[in-house]
Amino acid sequence: MPKVAVVQKTPAFLNKSKCIECAVETIAEAAAAGASVVVFTEAFIPGYPSWIWRLRPRGDWNLSEELYNRLLGNAVNVDSGDLAPLYEAARKHNITVVCGVEERDNQLSKATIYNTVIVIGPEGHLLNKHRKLMPTNPERMGWGFGDASGLKVIDTPAGRIGTLLCWENYMPLARYAIYSQGVEIYIAPTYDSGDNWVGTMQHIAREGRCWVVGCGNLMHTRDLPEDLPEKTMMFPDDEWVNPGDSVVISPDGEIAAGPMHEEAGILYCEIDLNKVGLAKKTLDVAGHYSRPDI
């Protein structure tokens, strides 16, 4: 049975090269533990811009510009050699890598940032790139809108993998697009957390009759760089900005591993792909239980 490694670690915030170094080291660690798939969270490289939830849209304009400029300078250019170390690590350890990145467009304006999740195959090649369809609330001040070109389920040695980012998972048609391509391991890198989010992961597993991997952000105020502009104004308390809550759910909606709460590490879980087909015997929303006529 394939073994999934769900990485819940704090990245080197706004430091692209160090985030990539951390990812490479973690891939080696997961492979040594026998994992065939390793999953990193939403915007792991170079870190989720949590300040967007703490700034006033107009009153903090200059601060927002300064923070965005740092983010832009550390965003990933997928068409360059930025991610070459990740490709090499996947090939070296014969492992599939799913990783959230903030991607700087290199085709048109060369300045728009997208919230992107990539899938790298065990041969070290990019298999898919999906840009978040709908940034949530203040995220729209920093990220562009993705499209359906990356809304694909990918064959890997570990099974058929599909990904949606954070609150895309609340979009029924996006979920259905993944279900209708025969997803077996549904991966949801996210900034969300808590019981409600875990409940959402359980619902998706029951609805799609697939394994669901929720990979959460882990961030404490002590992990933020000291030179972050207005750090103490935005993050005045010694607190968990995000507790993680990474989790793995089986196709019957039961929790198989986790949630990992306020803890750094790797959550491992063996995936029995046979359970996917068996679960669809009673409910298959893209198969015998679908009703496209209505």
Protein backbone atom coordinates (compact mmCIF):
# COMPACT_ATOMS: atom_id res chain seq x y z
CA MET A 1 0.00 0.00 0.00
CA PRO A 2 1.27 3.51 -0.78
CA LYS A 3 2.30 5.59 2.21
CA VAL A 4 1.53 9.31 2.32
CA ALA A 5 3.70 11.80 4.24
CA VAL A 6 1.83 14.99 5.19
CA VAL A 7 4.34 17.71 6.07
CA GLN A 8 3.33 20.10 8.82
CA LYS A 9 6.33 22.36 9.21
CA THR A 10 6.76 26.11 9.32
CA PRO A 11 8.61 27.33 6.21
CA ALA A 12 11.32 29.99 6.21
CA PHE A 13 8.84 32.81 5.82
CA LEU A 14 9.50 35.05 2.77
CA ASN A 15 12.79 33.27 2.02
CA LYS A 16 12.34 31.25 -1.16
CA SER A 17 15.73 29.53 -1.17
CA LYS A 18 15.51 28.42 2.46
CA CYS A 19 11.96 27.15 1.95
CA ILE A 20 13.18 25.04 -0.95
CA GLU A 21 16.08 23.73 1.16
CA CYS A 22 13.62 22.74 3.89
CA ALA A 23 11.42 20.97 1.35
CA VAL A 24 14.36 19.02 -0.09
CA GLU A 25 15.47 17.88 3.38
CA THR A 26 11.92 16.87 4.26
CA ILE A 27 11.50 14.88 1.04
CA ALA A 28 14.58 12.86 1.98
CA GLU A 29 13.18 12.30 5.49
CA ALA A 30 9.80 11.15 4.16
CA ALA A 31 11.37 8.84 1.59
CA ALA A 32 13.56 7.27 4.28
CA ALA A 33 10.38 6.50 6.22
CA GLY A 34 8.97 4.64 3.21
CA ALA A 35 6.61 7.29 1.84
CA SER A 36 5.70 7.25 -1.84
CA VAL A 37 3.90 10.63 -1.75
CA VAL A 38 4.95 13.72 0.22
CA VAL A 39 2.56 16.66 0.60
CA PHE A 40 3.42 20.25 1.55
CA THR A 41 0.85 22.85 2.50
CA GLU A 42 -0.69 25.81 0.69
CA ALA A 43 1.94 28.44 -0.22
CA PHE A 44 4.72 26.51 1.54
CA ILE A 45 7.17 28.34 -0.72
CA PRO A 46 7.74 31.10 0.43
CA GLY A 47 5.03 30.96 3.13
CA TYR A 48 1.38 32.00 3.33
CA PRO A 49 0.96 35.83 3.58
CA SER A 50 -1.03 35.73 6.81
CA TRP A 51 -0.79 39.51 7.17
CA ILE A 52 -3.63 39.92 4.65
CA TRP A 53 -6.09 38.96 7.37
CA ARG A 54 -4.71 41.60 9.76
CA LEU A 55 -4.39 44.72 7.61
CA ARG A 56 -6.97 47.39 6.88
CA PRO A 57 -7.51 47.55 3.09
CA ARG A 58 -6.95 51.33 2.92
CA GLY A 59 -5.38 52.46 6.18
CA ASP A 60 -2.37 50.15 5.83
CA TRP A 61 -1.76 50.72 2.12
CA ASN A 62 1.96 51.59 2.32
CA LEU A 63 2.63 48.62 4.60
CA SER A 64 0.66 46.35 2.29
CA GLU A 65 2.77 47.55 -0.67
CA GLU A 66 6.01 46.86 1.21
CA LEU A 67 4.93 43.37 2.22
CA TYR A 68 3.69 42.56 -1.27
CA ASN A 69 6.99 43.65 -2.76
CA ARG A 70 8.85 41.17 -0.53
CA LEU A 71 6.40 38.46 -1.50
CA LEU A 72 6.81 39.19 -5.19
CA GLY A 73 10.59 38.99 -4.87
CA ASN A 74 10.35 35.54 -3.29
CA ALA A 75 7.62 34.09 -5.51
CA VAL A 76 8.49 31.05 -7.63
CA ASN A 77 8.99 31.17 -11.39
CA VAL A 78 7.98 27.67 -12.44
CA ASP A 79 9.47 28.22 -15.90
CA SER A 80 12.91 28.94 -14.48
CA GLY A 81 15.29 26.78 -12.46
CA ASP A 82 13.75 27.86 -9.14
CA LEU A 83 12.32 24.43 -8.37
CA ALA A 84 15.13 22.33 -9.83
CA PRO A 85 16.18 21.11 -6.33
CA LEU A 86 12.64 19.77 -5.75
CA TYR A 87 12.61 17.98 -9.11
CA GLU A 88 15.98 16.42 -8.34
CA ALA A 89 14.88 15.36 -4.85
CA ALA A 90 11.76 13.68 -6.27
CA ARG A 91 13.87 11.80 -8.83
CA LYS A 92 16.61 10.89 -6.35
CA HIS A 93 14.16 9.45 -3.83
CA ASN A 94 11.66 8.09 -6.38
CA ILE A 95 8.77 9.91 -4.71
CA THR A 96 5.79 11.98 -5.83
CA VAL A 97 5.81 15.53 -4.45
CA VAL A 98 2.76 17.78 -4.00
CA CYS A 99 3.70 21.31 -2.96
CA GLY A 100 1.97 24.66 -2.61
CA VAL A 101 3.90 27.62 -4.02
CA GLU A 102 3.27 31.28 -4.71
CA GLU A 103 3.94 31.45 -8.41
CA ARG A 104 5.06 34.54 -10.30
CA ASP A 105 3.63 34.59 -13.80
CA ASN A 106 6.35 34.40 -16.45
CA GLN A 107 4.19 34.28 -19.57
CA LEU A 108 2.20 37.52 -19.75
CA SER A 109 2.59 40.44 -17.32
CA LYS A 110 5.46 38.76 -15.41
CA ALA A 111 4.19 40.36 -12.21
CA THR A 112 0.96 38.62 -11.16
CA ILE A 113 1.25 36.15 -8.27
CA TYR A 114 -0.85 32.99 -8.24
CA ASN A 115 -1.55 30.61 -5.38
CA THR A 116 -0.44 27.40 -7.07
CA VAL A 117 -0.08 23.73 -6.23
CA ILE A 118 2.30 21.58 -8.24
CA VAL A 119 2.64 17.82 -8.63
CA ILE A 120 6.13 16.44 -9.35
CA GLY A 121 6.44 12.81 -10.41
CA PRO A 122 9.00 10.30 -9.12
CA GLU A 123 11.01 10.75 -12.31
CA GLY A 124 11.56 14.39 -11.43
CA HIS A 125 9.19 15.99 -13.93
CA LEU A 126 6.39 18.48 -13.38
CA LEU A 127 3.14 16.55 -13.89
CA ASN A 128 0.63 19.29 -13.15
CA LYS A 129 0.28 22.91 -12.06
CA HIS A 130 -3.02 24.16 -10.68
CA ARG A 131 -3.65 27.81 -9.86
CA LYS A 132 -6.24 28.55 -7.19
CA LEU A 133 -9.49 29.35 -8.97
CA MET A 134 -10.92 31.82 -6.48
CA PRO A 135 -8.72 33.56 -3.89
CA THR A 136 -10.72 34.00 -0.68
CA ASN A 137 -11.73 37.46 0.55
CA PRO A 138 -8.51 39.54 1.19
CA GLU A 139 -6.45 37.01 -0.77
CA ARG A 140 -7.76 38.77 -3.88
CA MET A 141 -5.58 41.75 -3.01
CA GLY A 142 -2.47 39.62 -3.58
CA TRP A 143 -3.25 36.77 -5.94
CA GLY A 144 -4.63 36.47 -9.44
CA PHE A 145 -7.48 34.13 -10.41
CA GLY A 146 -6.57 30.71 -11.79
CA ASP A 147 -8.45 28.73 -14.43
CA ALA A 148 -9.41 25.14 -15.11
CA SER A 149 -6.33 24.25 -17.16
CA GLY A 150 -4.74 22.58 -14.14
CA LEU A 151 -7.93 21.02 -12.77
CA LYS A 152 -6.64 17.52 -13.50
CA VAL A 153 -6.29 14.17 -11.80
CA ILE A 154 -2.83 12.72 -12.36
CA ASP A 155 -1.76 9.09 -12.57
CA THR A 156 1.14 8.34 -10.22
CA PRO A 157 2.63 5.08 -8.95
CA ALA A 158 0.84 5.77 -5.64
CA GLY A 159 -2.58 6.25 -7.23
CA ARG A 160 -4.65 8.89 -9.02
CA ILE A 161 -4.01 12.26 -7.35
CA GLY A 162 -6.10 15.43 -7.55
CA THR A 163 -5.66 18.70 -5.67
CA LEU A 164 -7.74 21.72 -4.66
CA LEU A 165 -6.47 24.56 -2.50
CA CYS A 166 -8.14 25.65 0.75
CA TRP A 167 -11.63 27.08 0.17
CA GLU A 168 -11.74 25.84 -3.42
CA ASN A 169 -12.83 22.70 -1.62
CA TYR A 170 -16.15 24.43 -0.84
CA MET A 171 -16.83 24.85 -4.58
CA PRO A 172 -19.12 21.93 -5.59
CA LEU A 173 -18.32 22.08 -9.29
CA ALA A 174 -14.58 22.14 -8.67
CA ARG A 175 -14.89 19.10 -6.43
CA TYR A 176 -17.03 17.38 -9.04
CA ALA A 177 -14.42 18.04 -11.72
CA ILE A 178 -11.96 16.10 -9.55
CA TYR A 179 -14.40 13.30 -8.71
CA SER A 180 -15.30 12.84 -12.38
CA GLN A 181 -11.69 12.04 -13.26
CA GLY A 182 -11.49 9.05 -10.94
CA VAL A 183 -9.53 10.59 -8.07
CA GLU A 184 -8.24 8.14 -5.47
CA ILE A 185 -6.14 10.48 -3.31
CA TYR A 186 -7.73 13.91 -3.01
CA ILE A 187 -5.20 16.41 -1.61
CA ALA A 188 -6.25 19.68 0.03
CA PRO A 189 -3.37 21.96 1.07
CA THR A 190 -4.92 24.70 3.20
CA TYR A 191 -4.60 27.68 5.50
CA ASP A 192 -7.83 26.66 7.23
CA SER A 193 -7.91 24.60 10.43
CA GLY A 194 -10.14 23.48 13.28
CA ASP A 195 -13.06 21.11 13.73
CA ASN A 196 -15.15 22.66 10.96
CA TRP A 197 -12.37 22.19 8.44
CA VAL A 198 -11.75 18.60 9.51
CA GLY A 199 -15.49 18.03 9.13
CA THR A 200 -15.28 19.39 5.59
CA MET A 201 -12.51 16.93 4.80
CA GLN A 202 -14.67 14.10 6.15
CA HIS A 203 -17.64 15.22 4.04
CA ILE A 204 -15.50 15.32 0.89
CA ALA A 205 -14.22 11.81 1.58
CA ARG A 206 -17.79 10.53 1.99
CA GLU A 207 -19.05 12.43 -1.04
CA GLY A 208 -16.19 11.56 -3.38
CA ARG A 209 -15.52 8.09 -1.95
CA CYS A 210 -11.81 8.79 -1.97
CA TRP A 211 -8.92 9.24 0.42
CA VAL A 212 -8.62 12.87 1.50
CA VAL A 213 -5.38 14.47 2.68
CA GLY A 214 -5.71 17.81 4.43
CA CYS A 215 -2.31 19.49 4.80
CA GLY A 216 -2.45 22.51 7.09
CA ASN A 217 -0.29 25.57 7.61
CA LEU A 218 1.71 25.71 10.84
CA MET A 219 2.73 29.16 12.01
CA HIS A 220 3.64 30.71 15.37
CA THR A 221 4.56 34.35 15.90
CA ARG A 222 8.09 33.30 16.91
CA ASP A 223 8.52 31.80 13.42
CA LEU A 224 7.98 35.11 11.65
CA PRO A 225 11.15 37.00 10.67
CA GLU A 226 12.22 39.79 12.98
CA ASP A 227 12.57 42.20 10.07
CA LEU A 228 8.96 41.70 8.98
CA PRO A 229 7.59 45.25 8.65
CA GLU A 230 5.30 46.18 11.56
CA LYS A 231 5.48 42.64 12.92
CA THR A 232 4.44 43.55 16.46
CA MET A 233 1.54 45.64 15.21
CA MET A 234 0.13 42.80 13.12
CA PHE A 235 1.10 39.98 15.46
CA PRO A 236 1.24 41.52 18.95
CA ASP A 237 0.82 38.32 20.95
CA ASP A 238 2.85 35.18 21.49
CA GLU A 239 0.39 32.95 19.68
CA TRP A 240 -0.27 30.22 17.19
CA VAL A 241 -1.26 32.09 14.06
CA ASN A 242 -2.24 28.74 12.60
CA PRO A 243 -2.23 25.39 14.47
CA GLY A 244 -1.95 23.13 11.39
CA ASP A 245 -4.51 20.36 11.95
CA SER A 246 -3.23 18.17 9.10
CA VAL A 247 -5.36 15.06 8.72
CA VAL A 248 -5.95 11.99 6.54
CA ILE A 249 -9.50 10.71 5.97
CA SER A 250 -10.50 7.32 4.58
CA PRO A 251 -13.18 6.94 1.83
CA ASP A 252 -15.84 6.20 4.46
CA GLY A 253 -15.22 9.57 6.09
CA GLU A 254 -13.40 8.26 9.14
CA ILE A 255 -10.19 9.87 10.38
CA ALA A 256 -7.24 7.59 9.57
CA ALA A 257 -4.42 9.84 10.87
CA GLY A 258 -4.28 13.13 12.77
CA PRO A 259 -5.32 15.83 13.19
CA MET A 260 -1.83 17.06 14.07
CA HIS A 261 -2.44 20.14 16.21
CA GLU A 262 0.12 22.80 17.19
CA GLU A 263 2.92 20.38 16.41
CA ALA A 264 5.65 20.33 13.78
CA GLY A 265 6.47 17.10 12.03
CA ILE A 266 5.31 14.65 9.38
CA LEU A 267 2.00 12.79 9.57
CA TYR A 268 2.21 9.36 7.93
CA CYS A 269 -0.62 7.17 6.73
CA GLU A 270 -0.84 4.05 4.58
CA ILE A 271 -3.45 4.29 1.84
CA ASP A 272 -5.48 1.24 0.83
CA LEU A 273 -6.65 2.12 -2.67
CA ASN A 274 -9.03 -0.87 -2.77
CA LYS A 275 -11.27 0.99 -0.32
CA VAL A 276 -12.02 3.59 -3.00
CA GLY A 277 -13.73 1.15 -5.36
CA LEU A 278 -15.53 -0.62 -2.54
CA ALA A 279 -16.88 2.65 -1.14
CA LYS A 280 -18.32 3.55 -4.56
CA LYS A 281 -20.48 0.42 -4.54
CA THR A 282 -23.11 2.31 -2.54
CA LEU A 283 -22.42 5.90 -3.66
CA ASP A 284 -20.64 7.11 -6.79
CA VAL A 285 -21.52 10.75 -7.52
CA ALA A 286 -19.74 10.74 -10.87
CA GLY A 287 -20.90 7.22 -11.79
CA HIS A 288 -24.01 5.18 -11.03
CA TYR A 289 -25.26 7.79 -8.52
CA SER A 290 -24.98 10.74 -10.91
CA ARG A 291 -28.05 12.32 -12.48
CA PRO A 292 -26.85 14.66 -15.25
CA ASP A 293 -30.40 14.83 -16.60
CA ILE A 294 -31.43 17.09 -13.72
